[in-house]
């Protein structure tokens, strides 16, 4: 979803950056180890960014980042991550920062991904995976976002279970409960590349920009 929003911004003529401060799980691509999400985000941007700028801290092991860092003998540095994100964002007209594993993922003792968002002062876009249990999960996450003093700038419905019963009723309950702009509904796609996803979010960029300007 971050790549799709970045694609929309780039297509509108903005210098659009996408950043994934922490990424766990790498593959060897063209002789270098890199995270798949980092590659996708880098390709969606229209800025000349390196892998390490899009993904400042990439860990090899595909698990929770604090566990991967411990297994690999690496340190997650709050100051370094914040500086890396701010450095790239300062060069862009608009920057999207992708989370890792959810809103409250531990990074180091006393600091998690929610704290990262607070430190950066970021409005939050919530991606709701449409499947059984999504209403409870989404409403609890929205509550946690607002409890941190963060703005819930909007939400996207992402179809995980295409056979989910009562889909319309679930969407109605989410829209009534989340109390944030609905940016779009993405169906199951055979090829979920950024442009294909962005086609289902036609008003997302304008809504987000209006939120920022308000």
Protein backbone atom coordinates (compact mmCIF):
# COMPACT_ATOMS: atom_id res chain seq x y z
CA UNK A 1 0.00 0.00 0.00
CA UNK A 2 2.88 2.37 0.74
CA UNK A 3 4.29 1.77 -2.73
CA UNK A 4 0.88 2.54 -4.26
CA UNK A 5 0.57 5.83 -2.38
CA UNK A 6 4.13 6.71 -3.39
CA UNK A 7 3.28 5.90 -7.00
CA UNK A 8 0.23 8.19 -6.85
CA UNK A 9 2.30 11.04 -5.46
CA UNK A 10 5.03 10.57 -8.06
CA UNK A 11 2.46 10.48 -10.87
CA UNK A 12 1.07 13.80 -9.61
CA UNK A 13 4.49 15.42 -10.07
CA UNK A 14 5.60 15.47 -6.44
CA UNK A 15 9.05 14.29 -5.39
CA UNK A 16 7.84 11.23 -3.55
CA UNK A 17 9.97 9.21 -1.16
CA UNK A 18 9.10 5.90 0.47
CA UNK A 19 11.03 4.77 3.52
CA UNK A 20 10.94 1.54 5.52
CA UNK A 21 13.05 2.29 8.60
CA UNK A 22 13.23 -1.36 9.64
CA UNK A 23 12.91 -4.38 7.38
CA UNK A 24 13.36 -7.99 8.45
CA UNK A 25 14.02 -10.63 5.81
CA UNK A 26 16.37 -10.27 2.86
CA UNK A 27 17.02 -12.01 -0.45
CA UNK A 28 20.13 -11.93 -2.62
CA UNK A 29 19.25 -9.83 -5.67
CA UNK A 30 21.88 -9.08 -8.33
CA UNK A 31 24.62 -9.95 -5.88
CA UNK A 32 23.38 -7.82 -2.99
CA UNK A 33 21.26 -8.64 0.03
CA UNK A 34 18.13 -6.51 0.14
CA UNK A 35 14.62 -6.64 1.50
CA UNK A 36 11.81 -7.20 -1.02
CA UNK A 37 9.69 -4.38 0.41
CA UNK A 38 12.63 -1.99 0.15
CA UNK A 39 13.03 -2.83 -3.53
CA UNK A 40 9.33 -2.27 -4.15
CA UNK A 41 9.33 1.07 -2.37
CA UNK A 42 12.47 2.24 -4.12
CA UNK A 43 10.94 1.42 -7.51
CA UNK A 44 7.77 3.34 -6.68
CA UNK A 45 9.66 6.53 -5.83
CA UNK A 46 10.67 9.06 -8.47
CA UNK A 47 13.71 10.10 -6.47
CA UNK A 48 17.23 8.74 -6.85
CA UNK A 49 17.45 6.84 -3.58
CA UNK A 50 19.79 4.04 -2.57
CA UNK A 51 18.67 0.79 -0.95
CA UNK A 52 20.10 1.93 2.38
CA UNK A 53 18.19 5.23 2.19
CA UNK A 54 14.87 3.52 1.56
CA UNK A 55 15.67 0.80 4.11
CA UNK A 56 18.13 2.22 6.68
CA UNK A 57 18.11 -0.93 8.83
CA UNK A 58 17.65 -4.20 6.97
CA UNK A 59 17.94 -7.44 8.88
CA UNK A 60 18.52 -10.80 7.26
CA UNK A 61 16.20 -12.94 9.42
CA UNK A 62 12.45 -12.83 8.58
CA UNK A 63 10.98 -12.33 12.05
CA UNK A 64 10.17 -9.53 14.50
CA UNK A 65 12.94 -6.93 14.16
CA UNK A 66 14.04 -6.97 17.79
CA UNK A 67 14.45 -10.75 17.58
CA UNK A 68 16.26 -10.57 14.23
CA UNK A 69 18.63 -7.92 15.58
CA UNK A 70 19.46 -10.05 18.61
CA UNK A 71 20.08 -13.14 16.48
CA UNK A 72 22.38 -11.20 14.18
CA UNK A 73 24.22 -9.31 16.90
CA UNK A 74 23.06 -5.95 15.62
CA UNK A 75 21.78 -2.87 17.42
CA UNK A 76 18.59 -0.96 16.69
CA UNK A 77 19.49 2.69 17.26
CA UNK A 78 16.64 5.10 17.86
CA UNK A 79 18.68 8.18 16.99
CA UNK A 80 20.15 6.67 13.83
CA UNK A 81 16.77 5.55 12.50
CA UNK A 82 15.13 8.88 13.17
CA UNK A 83 18.00 10.76 11.52
CA UNK A 84 17.89 8.49 8.47
CA UNK A 85 14.14 8.96 7.95
CA UNK A 86 14.28 12.69 8.48
CA UNK A 87 17.22 13.05 6.11
CA UNK A 88 15.39 11.42 3.21
CA UNK A 89 12.05 13.09 3.99
CA UNK A 90 13.71 16.53 3.96
CA UNK A 91 14.65 16.01 0.30
CA UNK A 92 11.11 15.07 -0.77
CA UNK A 93 7.87 16.95 -1.32
CA UNK A 94 6.05 14.09 0.36
CA UNK A 95 7.38 11.04 2.18
CA UNK A 96 5.62 7.82 3.19
CA UNK A 97 7.05 5.75 6.02
CA UNK A 98 6.09 2.08 6.07
CA UNK A 99 5.78 0.21 9.33
CA UNK A 100 6.87 -3.30 10.13
CA UNK A 101 4.46 -5.91 11.45
CA UNK A 102 1.85 -3.56 12.90
CA UNK A 103 1.42 -0.42 14.96
CA UNK A 104 2.97 -1.65 18.20
CA UNK A 105 5.98 -3.79 17.41
CA UNK A 106 8.80 -3.72 20.00
CA UNK A 107 12.16 -2.43 18.80
CA UNK A 108 14.24 -1.83 21.92
CA UNK A 109 13.18 -1.76 25.58
CA UNK A 110 10.84 1.21 26.04
CA UNK A 111 10.59 2.04 22.33
CA UNK A 112 8.30 0.48 19.71
CA UNK A 113 6.98 1.32 16.25
CA UNK A 114 4.22 3.48 17.75
CA UNK A 115 6.92 5.54 19.48
CA UNK A 116 8.74 5.80 16.15
CA UNK A 117 5.61 7.34 14.61
CA UNK A 118 5.27 9.73 17.56
CA UNK A 119 8.94 10.78 17.33
CA UNK A 120 8.48 11.54 13.64
CA UNK A 121 5.12 13.26 14.18
CA UNK A 122 3.52 11.17 11.46
CA UNK A 123 -0.15 10.97 10.60
CA UNK A 124 -1.16 7.33 10.28
CA UNK A 125 -2.82 5.51 7.38
CA UNK A 126 -4.37 2.27 8.61
CA UNK A 127 -4.52 -0.67 6.23
CA UNK A 128 -7.32 -3.02 7.27
CA UNK A 129 -6.98 -6.58 6.01
CA UNK A 130 -10.53 -7.72 5.29
CA UNK A 131 -10.98 -11.09 6.97
CA UNK A 132 -12.66 -12.51 10.05
CA UNK A 133 -11.77 -10.42 13.11
CA UNK A 134 -10.81 -7.30 11.16
CA UNK A 135 -13.34 -5.00 12.84
CA UNK A 136 -12.01 -5.63 16.34
CA UNK A 137 -8.39 -5.42 15.21
CA UNK A 138 -8.93 -2.20 13.26
CA UNK A 139 -10.87 -0.41 15.98
CA UNK A 140 -8.32 -1.35 18.64
CA UNK A 141 -5.50 -0.11 16.41
CA UNK A 142 -7.30 3.17 15.74
CA UNK A 143 -7.80 3.58 19.47
CA UNK A 144 -4.08 2.98 20.06
CA UNK A 145 -3.14 5.49 17.34
CA UNK A 146 -5.27 8.22 18.88
CA UNK A 147 -4.14 7.37 22.41
CA UNK A 148 -0.60 8.28 21.29
CA UNK A 149 -1.84 11.68 20.15
CA UNK A 150 -1.44 10.78 16.48
CA UNK A 151 -3.81 11.66 13.67
CA UNK A 152 -5.56 8.79 11.90
CA UNK A 153 -5.35 10.37 8.45
CA UNK A 154 -7.32 7.66 6.67
CA UNK A 155 -7.80 3.96 6.15
CA UNK A 156 -7.70 1.49 3.30
CA UNK A 157 -9.66 -1.75 3.03
CA UNK A 158 -7.40 -4.49 1.66
CA UNK A 159 -9.06 -7.75 0.65
CA UNK A 160 -7.27 -10.66 2.29
CA UNK A 161 -10.10 -13.20 2.18
CA UNK A 162 -12.00 -12.78 -1.08
CA UNK A 163 -14.64 -15.22 0.16
CA UNK A 164 -15.26 -13.32 3.39
CA UNK A 165 -19.01 -13.32 4.07
CA UNK A 166 -20.94 -10.11 4.71
CA UNK A 167 -18.20 -7.95 3.25
CA UNK A 168 -20.45 -4.93 2.83
CA UNK A 169 -21.63 -5.11 6.42
CA UNK A 170 -18.03 -5.31 7.63
CA UNK A 171 -17.04 -2.27 5.56
CA UNK A 172 -20.01 -0.31 6.94
CA UNK A 173 -19.04 -1.18 10.51
CA UNK A 174 -15.44 -0.16 9.88
CA UNK A 175 -16.42 3.15 8.32
CA UNK A 176 -18.76 3.94 11.21
CA UNK A 177 -16.21 2.97 13.86
CA UNK A 178 -12.94 4.30 12.49
CA UNK A 179 -14.16 7.89 12.01
CA UNK A 180 -11.46 8.66 9.45
CA UNK A 181 -11.46 9.21 5.68
CA UNK A 182 -11.96 6.03 3.67
CA UNK A 183 -9.21 6.04 1.02
CA UNK A 184 -10.35 3.05 -1.01
CA UNK A 185 -11.04 -0.67 -1.24
CA UNK A 186 -8.41 -2.87 -2.87
CA UNK A 187 -9.66 -6.26 -4.15
CA UNK A 188 -7.59 -9.39 -4.52
CA UNK A 189 -5.28 -8.73 -7.47
CA UNK A 190 -3.44 -11.32 -9.56
CA UNK A 191 -0.55 -8.87 -9.96
CA UNK A 192 -0.56 -6.42 -7.02
CA UNK A 193 1.97 -3.95 -8.38
CA UNK A 194 1.80 -0.32 -7.18
CA UNK A 195 -0.01 1.06 -10.23
CA UNK A 196 -2.67 -1.67 -10.05
CA UNK A 197 -3.27 -0.99 -6.35
CA UNK A 198 -3.25 2.78 -6.90
CA UNK A 199 -6.07 2.42 -9.42
CA UNK A 200 -8.31 1.51 -6.49
CA UNK A 201 -7.21 4.54 -4.45
CA UNK A 202 -8.03 7.38 -6.87
CA UNK A 203 -8.84 9.96 -4.19
CA UNK A 204 -6.29 8.87 -1.59
CA UNK A 205 -3.60 11.42 -2.31
CA UNK A 206 -6.01 14.36 -2.44
CA UNK A 207 -7.62 13.28 0.84
CA UNK A 208 -4.26 12.93 2.57
CA UNK A 209 -3.07 16.30 1.29
CA UNK A 210 -6.29 17.93 2.45
CA UNK A 211 -5.77 16.42 5.91
CA UNK A 212 -2.26 17.89 6.03
CA UNK A 213 -3.41 21.32 4.88
CA UNK A 214 -6.30 21.53 7.35
